[in-house]
Every structure is written in C-alpha cells, then in structure tokens.
C-alpha cells in the first residue's frame, strides 16, 4: 500500500500542475513530461529515500513487513534505495538523458526486486504485505510505466 500512496500523490500533483498550466497541456509529450516529473520526484525519489530510511534505521520492522528476518544486507538494500531515490529527486532539475538513466535504474532495481518477491511467494509461500498482492502489482507496473512514458516523452520532444 505504501507504493500506491506515492503513485496517487504524483498523479494528483501532476494533474493540479496541468490544470494550472495551460501550456503544459499543448501536447501529449508535454503531458507525459509533467506526469513523469512528479512520478520521478514522488514515486522514485521520495519513496526511495523513505524506503532507504526504513531499511537502514528500522530494519527489524521493515524485514518483518516483507516476511523476512533482518540481516546485515538490510543496510546495503537501504543504500541502493537511497541511490535510486536521489536520482528521482534530481530529476526535478536534471532532464534529458538523466531522466532515461533514472527510469532504467528504477526499472532494473524494482523489477529485480519484484522477481525476488515472486520467488519468495513461490518457494516460501511468503504472502506478507510488502512481498505480494497490491505491493507486487505496483512494483511490476510502475517501473514499466515510467520507462514507457520516458521513451514516449523523449520521442515526442525530440521530434518536435
């Protein structure tokens, strides 16, 4: 459910931005760029930093919510979350190829995580809240959506 909050927050912020900025509604590319900006900031950035905090400073609770025991790797997972989170925040100021690199990093990280969660469901019957269900659906769909939107945005803005 944690991930859904950031998707909704990004969608609301982008929709308000579009409602208040007629120039941002002129083309599909501009609309995609607006949604991407907020998805990068909230979903990739803020969520990445908060999950880094959770893994580094609350490893026992975080591992339990995933259905795992805590381990020294928790810190390393937190640092990976922090890395991608910082990339997402920087998308507010850096554009172009930086957005594509951030979308790729986010997709590799979260899709790789999703595969690990599916393995846990299949091999260990782990249906913890942060290992399966809505969490897993969002973990698969959002990185793919962000990557598709990024490629669409690049194609439409380079052509125009």
Protein backbone atom coordinates (compact mmCIF):
# COMPACT_ATOMS: atom_id res chain seq x y z
CA UNK A 1 0.00 0.00 0.00
CA UNK A 2 2.98 2.27 0.68
CA UNK A 3 3.79 2.46 -3.05
CA UNK A 4 0.21 3.31 -4.03
CA UNK A 5 0.32 6.44 -1.87
CA UNK A 6 3.25 7.79 -3.90
CA UNK A 7 1.60 6.94 -7.23
CA UNK A 8 -1.57 8.77 -6.16
CA UNK A 9 0.39 11.72 -4.77
CA UNK A 10 2.32 12.04 -8.05
CA UNK A 11 -0.88 11.79 -10.12
CA UNK A 12 -2.65 14.44 -8.03
CA UNK A 13 0.32 16.84 -8.12
CA UNK A 14 0.76 16.42 -11.88
CA UNK A 15 -2.97 16.87 -12.50
CA UNK A 16 -3.01 20.09 -10.47
CA UNK A 17 0.07 21.31 -12.34
CA UNK A 18 -1.63 20.59 -15.67
CA UNK A 19 -4.87 22.26 -14.56
CA UNK A 20 -3.00 25.43 -13.59
CA UNK A 21 -0.62 25.49 -16.59
CA UNK A 22 -2.40 25.53 -19.97
CA UNK A 23 0.96 25.45 -21.78
CA UNK A 24 1.71 22.03 -20.29
CA UNK A 25 -1.44 20.64 -21.94
CA UNK A 26 -0.44 21.52 -25.53
CA UNK A 27 0.86 18.09 -26.49
CA UNK A 28 0.95 14.50 -25.37
CA UNK A 29 4.68 14.82 -24.81
CA UNK A 30 4.25 17.80 -22.51
CA UNK A 31 1.54 16.00 -20.54
CA UNK A 32 3.72 12.87 -20.28
CA UNK A 33 6.64 15.05 -19.15
CA UNK A 34 4.53 16.60 -16.40
CA UNK A 35 3.42 13.21 -15.07
CA UNK A 36 6.98 11.91 -15.34
CA UNK A 37 8.36 14.84 -13.38
CA UNK A 38 6.08 14.06 -10.45
CA UNK A 39 6.48 10.28 -10.72
CA UNK A 40 10.25 10.72 -10.64
CA UNK A 41 10.08 13.09 -7.69
CA UNK A 42 7.49 11.32 -5.52
CA UNK A 43 7.45 7.67 -6.60
CA UNK A 44 11.13 7.21 -7.38
CA UNK A 45 12.67 9.96 -5.24
CA UNK A 46 10.73 10.47 -2.04
CA UNK A 47 9.70 6.83 -1.79
CA UNK A 48 13.29 5.70 -2.43
CA UNK A 49 14.60 7.92 0.36
CA UNK A 50 11.89 6.76 2.77
CA UNK A 51 12.48 3.10 1.99
CA UNK A 52 16.21 3.71 2.49
CA UNK A 53 15.40 5.14 5.90
CA UNK A 54 13.22 2.11 6.67
CA UNK A 55 15.88 -0.42 5.68
CA UNK A 56 18.76 1.39 7.42
CA UNK A 57 17.12 2.69 10.59
CA UNK A 58 14.17 0.31 11.07
CA UNK A 59 15.49 -2.98 9.68
CA UNK A 60 13.64 -5.26 12.08
CA UNK A 61 10.22 -3.78 11.31
CA UNK A 62 10.95 -3.42 7.61
CA UNK A 63 12.13 -7.01 7.20
CA UNK A 64 9.13 -8.27 9.15
CA UNK A 65 6.75 -6.38 6.81
CA UNK A 66 8.34 -8.25 3.89
CA UNK A 67 8.15 -11.58 5.70
CA UNK A 68 11.91 -11.87 6.16
CA UNK A 69 14.34 -11.94 9.03
CA UNK A 70 16.63 -8.94 9.27
CA UNK A 71 20.23 -9.29 8.11
CA UNK A 72 23.34 -7.18 7.59
CA UNK A 73 22.26 -6.85 3.94
CA UNK A 74 19.46 -4.56 5.09
CA UNK A 75 21.91 -1.65 5.14
CA UNK A 76 23.04 -2.40 1.59
CA UNK A 77 19.44 -2.58 0.38
CA UNK A 78 18.87 0.79 2.03
CA UNK A 79 21.84 2.28 0.20
CA UNK A 80 20.52 1.01 -3.13
CA UNK A 81 17.12 2.54 -2.33
CA UNK A 82 18.85 5.79 -1.40
CA UNK A 83 20.81 5.82 -4.66
CA UNK A 84 17.72 5.49 -6.83
CA UNK A 85 15.80 7.90 -4.57
CA UNK A 86 18.45 10.59 -5.02
CA UNK A 87 18.27 10.09 -8.80
CA UNK A 88 14.50 10.60 -8.64
CA UNK A 89 14.81 13.84 -6.65
CA UNK A 90 17.48 15.15 -9.03
CA UNK A 91 15.03 14.72 -11.93
CA UNK A 92 13.43 17.97 -10.74
CA UNK A 93 16.49 19.83 -12.01
CA UNK A 94 18.19 17.48 -14.48
CA UNK A 95 16.37 16.38 -17.63
CA UNK A 96 17.15 14.75 -20.95
CA UNK A 97 19.27 11.62 -20.76
CA UNK A 98 19.23 11.86 -16.96
CA UNK A 99 15.53 11.00 -16.98
CA UNK A 100 16.17 7.97 -19.16
CA UNK A 101 19.03 6.81 -16.94
CA UNK A 102 16.84 7.25 -13.85
CA UNK A 103 13.96 5.34 -15.46
CA UNK A 104 16.32 2.49 -16.36
CA UNK A 105 17.89 2.39 -12.88
CA UNK A 106 14.43 2.38 -11.28
CA UNK A 107 13.23 -0.39 -13.60
CA UNK A 108 16.28 -2.59 -13.02
CA UNK A 109 16.02 -2.13 -9.26
CA UNK A 110 12.26 -2.60 -8.81
CA UNK A 111 11.77 -5.30 -11.44
CA UNK A 112 14.69 -7.20 -9.94
CA UNK A 113 13.07 -6.80 -6.51
CA UNK A 114 9.75 -7.99 -7.93
CA UNK A 115 11.34 -11.17 -9.27
CA UNK A 116 12.79 -11.80 -5.81
CA UNK A 117 9.37 -11.28 -4.23
CA UNK A 118 7.73 -13.69 -6.69
CA UNK A 119 10.37 -16.27 -5.84
CA UNK A 120 9.55 -15.81 -2.16
CA UNK A 121 5.84 -16.29 -2.86
CA UNK A 122 6.52 -19.44 -4.92
CA UNK A 123 9.29 -21.01 -2.83
CA UNK A 124 8.43 -19.92 0.71
CA UNK A 125 4.70 -19.17 0.43
CA UNK A 126 5.54 -15.65 1.64
CA UNK A 127 2.41 -13.52 1.31
CA UNK A 128 3.48 -10.72 3.66
CA UNK A 129 2.02 -7.27 2.90
CA UNK A 130 5.26 -5.95 1.38
CA UNK A 131 6.04 -9.09 -0.57
CA UNK A 132 2.86 -9.84 -2.54
CA UNK A 133 -0.58 -8.59 -3.51
CA UNK A 134 -1.05 -4.91 -4.45
CA UNK A 135 2.56 -4.21 -3.49
CA UNK A 136 3.84 -6.67 -6.07
CA UNK A 137 1.49 -5.47 -8.82
CA UNK A 138 2.61 -1.87 -8.33
CA UNK A 139 6.26 -2.93 -8.15
CA UNK A 140 5.92 -4.51 -11.58
CA UNK A 141 3.72 -1.97 -13.31
CA UNK A 142 5.16 1.38 -12.20
CA UNK A 143 8.76 0.92 -13.40
CA UNK A 144 7.47 -0.29 -16.76
CA UNK A 145 5.01 2.62 -16.99
CA UNK A 146 7.73 5.14 -16.07
CA UNK A 147 10.09 3.66 -18.67
CA UNK A 148 7.40 3.70 -21.39
CA UNK A 149 6.43 7.29 -20.52
CA UNK A 150 10.09 8.33 -20.60
CA UNK A 151 10.62 6.79 -24.03
CA UNK A 152 7.39 8.36 -25.30
CA UNK A 153 8.37 11.75 -23.87
CA UNK A 154 11.82 11.54 -25.49
CA UNK A 155 10.37 10.53 -28.85
CA UNK A 156 7.76 13.31 -28.88
CA UNK A 157 10.02 16.07 -27.61
CA UNK A 158 12.91 15.16 -29.95
CA UNK A 159 10.56 15.07 -32.95
CA UNK A 160 9.03 18.45 -32.11
